[in-house]
């Protein structure tokens, strides 16, 4: 485990003792943003229970909000642009497994970067998988499983996620 991931775990544990208010979430973001990949984000807010794995591969933009109990596994780059909001219990995972000798347990990992565009809203309990690029101002409906990319202004939902409609930007 890298020192930066240990730092994230430490910050999350210590700040879980504080009341869950705006200033606590901003404190978490400030402390964690210092070790994330990319530039140091402004006004990053991270709620209680969030898990961030391989923090050096996660690039946060400014004014990002990560709600309670989200899980981001960045085995390769995950870029979260400015003004992105995550609802509670979202999962972002930049890899999966392949079948080898009749088992997924030891199959080779298949990884690809993820980009979540500026101003995107990811509804609660959504899953975003490897290789996905979400355009600017995309709205992901709660509970969606996003396994492919979508353009700017897309409103998407379902399992697997499909385009519901587009909004004019």
C-alpha atoms as a PDB file:
ATOM      1  CA  UNK A   1       0.000   0.000   0.000  1.00  0.00           C
ATOM      2  CA  UNK A   2       1.349   3.403  -0.947  1.00  0.00           C
ATOM      3  CA  UNK A   3       1.915   6.047   1.693  1.00  0.00           C
ATOM      4  CA  UNK A   4      -0.622   8.341   0.008  1.00  0.00           C
ATOM      5  CA  UNK A   5      -3.347   5.657   0.306  1.00  0.00           C
ATOM      6  CA  UNK A   6      -2.468   5.198   3.964  1.00  0.00           C
ATOM      7  CA  UNK A   7      -2.829   8.982   4.392  1.00  0.00           C
ATOM      8  CA  UNK A   8      -6.324   8.860   2.859  1.00  0.00           C
ATOM      9  CA  UNK A   9      -7.333   6.062   5.250  1.00  0.00           C
ATOM     10  CA  UNK A  10      -5.946   8.010   8.208  1.00  0.00           C
ATOM     11  CA  UNK A  11      -7.774  11.208   7.203  1.00  0.00           C
ATOM     12  CA  UNK A  12     -11.063   9.353   6.708  1.00  0.00           C
ATOM     13  CA  UNK A  13     -10.811   7.606  10.102  1.00  0.00           C
ATOM     14  CA  UNK A  14      -9.838  10.688  12.090  1.00  0.00           C
ATOM     15  CA  UNK A  15     -12.410  12.997  10.480  1.00  0.00           C
ATOM     16  CA  UNK A  16     -15.180  10.417  10.961  1.00  0.00           C
ATOM     17  CA  UNK A  17     -15.141  11.513  14.604  1.00  0.00           C
ATOM     18  CA  UNK A  18     -16.178  15.042  13.593  1.00  0.00           C
ATOM     19  CA  UNK A  19     -19.766  16.113  12.880  1.00  0.00           C
ATOM     20  CA  UNK A  20     -20.746  15.558   9.239  1.00  0.00           C
ATOM     21  CA  UNK A  21     -21.094  19.199   8.193  1.00  0.00           C
ATOM     22  CA  UNK A  22     -19.814  21.257   5.258  1.00  0.00           C
ATOM     23  CA  UNK A  23     -16.572  22.257   7.000  1.00  0.00           C
ATOM     24  CA  UNK A  24     -15.698  18.645   7.847  1.00  0.00           C
ATOM     25  CA  UNK A  25     -16.235  17.564   4.228  1.00  0.00           C
ATOM     26  CA  UNK A  26     -14.112  20.490   3.021  1.00  0.00           C
ATOM     27  CA  UNK A  27     -11.367  19.578   5.525  1.00  0.00           C
ATOM     28  CA  UNK A  28     -11.311  16.000   4.195  1.00  0.00           C
ATOM     29  CA  UNK A  29     -11.121  17.329   0.641  1.00  0.00           C
ATOM     30  CA  UNK A  30      -8.321  19.731   1.494  1.00  0.00           C
ATOM     31  CA  UNK A  31      -6.259  17.036   3.238  1.00  0.00           C
ATOM     32  CA  UNK A  32      -6.875  14.376   0.585  1.00  0.00           C
ATOM     33  CA  UNK A  33      -6.556  16.764  -2.367  1.00  0.00           C
ATOM     34  CA  UNK A  34      -2.943  17.365  -1.358  1.00  0.00           C
ATOM     35  CA  UNK A  35      -1.972  13.787  -2.288  1.00  0.00           C
ATOM     36  CA  UNK A  36      -4.287  13.177  -5.263  1.00  0.00           C
ATOM     37  CA  UNK A  37      -2.997  13.153  -8.838  1.00  0.00           C
ATOM     38  CA  UNK A  38      -3.101  16.301 -10.943  1.00  0.00           C
ATOM     39  CA  UNK A  39      -3.404  19.818  -9.598  1.00  0.00           C
ATOM     40  CA  UNK A  40      -4.546  20.497  -6.070  1.00  0.00           C
ATOM     41  CA  UNK A  41      -8.338  20.938  -6.227  1.00  0.00           C
ATOM     42  CA  UNK A  42     -10.209  23.899  -4.776  1.00  0.00           C
ATOM     43  CA  UNK A  43     -13.319  23.205  -2.665  1.00  0.00           C
ATOM     44  CA  UNK A  44     -13.187  19.399  -2.874  1.00  0.00           C
ATOM     45  CA  UNK A  45     -15.810  17.997  -0.478  1.00  0.00           C
ATOM     46  CA  UNK A  46     -15.674  14.359   0.601  1.00  0.00           C
ATOM     47  CA  UNK A  47     -18.387  12.833   2.802  1.00  0.00           C
ATOM     48  CA  UNK A  48     -18.012  10.171   5.481  1.00  0.00           C
ATOM     49  CA  UNK A  49     -17.483   6.550   4.467  1.00  0.00           C
ATOM     50  CA  UNK A  50     -15.941   7.277   1.060  1.00  0.00           C
ATOM     51  CA  UNK A  51     -13.167   4.902  -0.085  1.00  0.00           C
ATOM     52  CA  UNK A  52     -10.474   6.177  -2.462  1.00  0.00           C
ATOM     53  CA  UNK A  53      -8.012   3.548  -3.710  1.00  0.00           C
ATOM     54  CA  UNK A  54      -4.808   4.482  -5.582  1.00  0.00           C
ATOM     55  CA  UNK A  55      -5.331   8.182  -4.868  1.00  0.00           C
ATOM     56  CA  UNK A  56      -2.355   9.184  -7.049  1.00  0.00           C
ATOM     57  CA  UNK A  57      -4.364   8.007 -10.073  1.00  0.00           C
ATOM     58  CA  UNK A  58      -7.385  10.164  -9.162  1.00  0.00           C
ATOM     59  CA  UNK A  59      -7.443  13.712 -10.490  1.00  0.00           C
ATOM     60  CA  UNK A  60     -10.097  15.942  -8.909  1.00  0.00           C
ATOM     61  CA  UNK A  61     -11.255  19.208 -10.447  1.00  0.00           C
ATOM     62  CA  UNK A  62     -12.480  22.219  -8.490  1.00  0.00           C
ATOM     63  CA  UNK A  63     -15.822  22.256  -6.659  1.00  0.00           C
ATOM     64  CA  UNK A  64     -16.267  18.455  -6.663  1.00  0.00           C
ATOM     65  CA  UNK A  65     -18.650  16.832  -4.144  1.00  0.00           C
ATOM     66  CA  UNK A  66     -18.318  13.130  -3.277  1.00  0.00           C
ATOM     67  CA  UNK A  67     -21.292  11.945  -1.207  1.00  0.00           C
ATOM     68  CA  UNK A  68     -21.353   9.358   1.575  1.00  0.00           C
ATOM     69  CA  UNK A  69     -19.950   5.874   1.053  1.00  0.00           C
ATOM     70  CA  UNK A  70     -18.745   6.303  -2.532  1.00  0.00           C
ATOM     71  CA  UNK A  71     -15.969   3.990  -3.717  1.00  0.00           C
ATOM     72  CA  UNK A  72     -13.402   4.985  -6.348  1.00  0.00           C
ATOM     73  CA  UNK A  73     -10.891   2.331  -7.420  1.00  0.00           C
ATOM     74  CA  UNK A  74      -8.306   3.906  -9.714  1.00  0.00           C
ATOM     75  CA  UNK A  75      -6.023   1.145 -10.982  1.00  0.00           C
ATOM     76  CA  UNK A  76      -5.388   3.529 -13.866  1.00  0.00           C
ATOM     77  CA  UNK A  77      -6.235   7.250 -14.262  1.00  0.00           C
ATOM     78  CA  UNK A  78      -9.646   8.490 -13.136  1.00  0.00           C
ATOM     79  CA  UNK A  79     -10.244  12.141 -14.045  1.00  0.00           C
ATOM     80  CA  UNK A  80     -13.080  13.940 -12.292  1.00  0.00           C
ATOM     81  CA  UNK A  81     -13.426  17.386 -13.835  1.00  0.00           C
ATOM     82  CA  UNK A  82     -14.747  20.583 -12.204  1.00  0.00           C
ATOM     83  CA  UNK A  83     -18.201  20.792 -10.593  1.00  0.00           C
ATOM     84  CA  UNK A  84     -18.952  17.054 -10.559  1.00  0.00           C
ATOM     85  CA  UNK A  85     -21.380  15.701  -7.919  1.00  0.00           C
ATOM     86  CA  UNK A  86     -21.653  12.080  -6.783  1.00  0.00           C
ATOM     87  CA  UNK A  87     -24.764  10.836  -4.984  1.00  0.00           C
ATOM     88  CA  UNK A  88     -24.408   8.373  -2.112  1.00  0.00           C
ATOM     89  CA  UNK A  89     -22.863   4.934  -2.614  1.00  0.00           C
ATOM     90  CA  UNK A  90     -21.580   5.416  -6.172  1.00  0.00           C
ATOM     91  CA  UNK A  91     -18.868   3.113  -7.499  1.00  0.00           C
ATOM     92  CA  UNK A  92     -16.212   4.151 -10.018  1.00  0.00           C
ATOM     93  CA  UNK A  93     -13.899   1.301 -11.001  1.00  0.00           C
ATOM     94  CA  UNK A  94     -11.234   1.540 -13.717  1.00  0.00           C
ATOM     95  CA  UNK A  95     -10.769  -2.200 -14.227  1.00  0.00           C
ATOM     96  CA  UNK A  96     -12.334  -5.636 -14.316  1.00  0.00           C
ATOM     97  CA  UNK A  97     -11.262  -9.269 -14.628  1.00  0.00           C
ATOM     98  CA  UNK A  98     -11.130 -11.698 -17.514  1.00  0.00           C
ATOM     99  CA  UNK A  99     -11.966 -15.381 -17.566  1.00  0.00           C
ATOM    100  CA  UNK A 100      -8.931 -17.648 -17.423  1.00  0.00           C
ATOM    101  CA  UNK A 101      -8.975 -21.451 -17.012  1.00  0.00           C
ATOM    102  CA  UNK A 102     -12.677 -21.365 -16.124  1.00  0.00           C
ATOM    103  CA  UNK A 103     -12.263 -18.767 -13.345  1.00  0.00           C
ATOM    104  CA  UNK A 104     -12.390 -15.003 -12.997  1.00  0.00           C
ATOM    105  CA  UNK A 105     -10.374 -15.134  -9.774  1.00  0.00           C
ATOM    106  CA  UNK A 106      -6.954 -15.230 -11.442  1.00  0.00           C
ATOM    107  CA  UNK A 107      -7.853 -13.856 -14.855  1.00  0.00           C
ATOM    108  CA  UNK A 108      -5.758 -11.003 -16.191  1.00  0.00           C
ATOM    109  CA  UNK A 109      -6.953  -7.537 -15.150  1.00  0.00           C
ATOM    110  CA  UNK A 110      -8.452  -5.426 -17.905  1.00  0.00           C
ATOM    111  CA  UNK A 111      -8.070  -1.691 -17.151  1.00  0.00           C
ATOM    112  CA  UNK A 112      -8.883   1.584 -18.894  1.00  0.00           C
ATOM    113  CA  UNK A 113      -9.022   5.245 -17.770  1.00  0.00           C
ATOM    114  CA  UNK A 114     -12.260   7.000 -16.822  1.00  0.00           C
ATOM    115  CA  UNK A 115     -13.145  10.665 -17.443  1.00  0.00           C
ATOM    116  CA  UNK A 116     -16.167  12.323 -15.830  1.00  0.00           C
ATOM    117  CA  UNK A 117     -16.915  15.630 -17.541  1.00  0.00           C
ATOM    118  CA  UNK A 118     -17.381  19.058 -16.018  1.00  0.00           C
ATOM    119  CA  UNK A 119     -20.728  19.680 -14.338  1.00  0.00           C
ATOM    120  CA  UNK A 120     -21.805  16.029 -14.340  1.00  0.00           C
ATOM    121  CA  UNK A 121     -24.212  14.676 -11.730  1.00  0.00           C
ATOM    122  CA  UNK A 122     -23.861  10.978 -10.880  1.00  0.00           C
ATOM    123  CA  UNK A 123     -26.998   9.762  -9.085  1.00  0.00           C
ATOM    124  CA  UNK A 124     -26.826   7.564  -5.995  1.00  0.00           C
ATOM    125  CA  UNK A 125     -25.980   3.868  -6.274  1.00  0.00           C
ATOM    126  CA  UNK A 126     -24.632   4.312  -9.816  1.00  0.00           C
ATOM    127  CA  UNK A 127     -21.686   2.344 -11.177  1.00  0.00           C
ATOM    128  CA  UNK A 128     -19.190   3.698 -13.726  1.00  0.00           C
ATOM    129  CA  UNK A 129     -16.860   1.110 -15.242  1.00  0.00           C
ATOM    130  CA  UNK A 130     -13.528   1.097 -17.068  1.00  0.00           C
ATOM    131  CA  UNK A 131     -13.000   3.131 -20.216  1.00  0.00           C
ATOM    132  CA  UNK A 132     -16.061   5.364 -19.785  1.00  0.00           C
ATOM    133  CA  UNK A 133     -15.884   9.018 -20.842  1.00  0.00           C
ATOM    134  CA  UNK A 134     -18.862  11.100 -19.748  1.00  0.00           C
ATOM    135  CA  UNK A 135     -19.267  14.407 -21.540  1.00  0.00           C
ATOM    136  CA  UNK A 136     -19.826  17.772 -19.942  1.00  0.00           C
ATOM    137  CA  UNK A 137     -23.090  18.223 -17.968  1.00  0.00           C
ATOM    138  CA  UNK A 138     -24.100  14.561 -18.133  1.00  0.00           C
ATOM    139  CA  UNK A 139     -26.799  13.398 -15.711  1.00  0.00           C
ATOM    140  CA  UNK A 140     -26.567   9.762 -14.605  1.00  0.00           C
ATOM    141  CA  UNK A 141     -29.844   8.450 -13.138  1.00  0.00           C
ATOM    142  CA  UNK A 142     -29.711   6.764  -9.742  1.00  0.00           C
ATOM    143  CA  UNK A 143     -28.860   3.075  -9.945  1.00  0.00           C
ATOM    144  CA  UNK A 144     -27.482   3.221 -13.494  1.00  0.00           C
ATOM    145  CA  UNK A 145     -24.629   0.995 -14.606  1.00  0.00           C
ATOM    146  CA  UNK A 146     -22.525   2.959 -17.087  1.00  0.00           C
ATOM    147  CA  UNK A 147     -20.324   0.781 -19.273  1.00  0.00           C
ATOM    148  CA  UNK A 148     -19.943   2.992 -22.343  1.00  0.00           C
ATOM    149  CA  UNK A 149     -19.243   6.651 -23.086  1.00  0.00           C
ATOM    150  CA  UNK A 150     -21.835   9.400 -23.592  1.00  0.00           C
ATOM    151  CA  UNK A 151     -21.644  12.911 -25.129  1.00  0.00           C
ATOM    152  CA  UNK A 152     -22.116  16.341 -23.546  1.00  0.00           C
ATOM    153  CA  UNK A 153     -25.583  17.015 -22.147  1.00  0.00           C
ATOM    154  CA  UNK A 154     -26.674  13.367 -22.029  1.00  0.00           C
ATOM    155  CA  UNK A 155     -29.279  12.205 -19.541  1.00  0.00           C
ATOM    156  CA  UNK A 156     -28.676   8.498 -19.073  1.00  0.00           C
ATOM    157  CA  UNK A 157     -30.124   5.708 -16.957  1.00  0.00           C
ATOM    158  CA  UNK A 158     -30.789   2.000 -16.694  1.00  0.00           C
ATOM    159  CA  UNK A 159     -28.865  -1.248 -16.531  1.00  0.00           C
ATOM    160  CA  UNK A 160     -26.959  -1.011 -18.778  1.00  0.00           C
ATOM    161  CA  UNK A 161     -27.179   2.778 -19.077  1.00  0.00           C
ATOM    162  CA  UNK A 162     -28.838   4.130 -22.214  1.00  0.00           C
ATOM    163  CA  UNK A 163     -29.405   7.621 -23.534  1.00  0.00           C
ATOM    164  CA  UNK A 164     -32.774   8.909 -22.289  1.00  0.00           C
ATOM    165  CA  UNK A 165     -32.477  12.329 -23.901  1.00  0.00           C
ATOM    166  CA  UNK A 166     -30.063  15.208 -24.455  1.00  0.00           C
ATOM    167  CA  UNK A 167     -30.236  18.728 -23.127  1.00  0.00           C
ATOM    168  CA  UNK A 168     -29.056  21.784 -24.993  1.00  0.00           C
ATOM    169  CA  UNK A 169     -25.924  23.367 -23.522  1.00  0.00           C
END
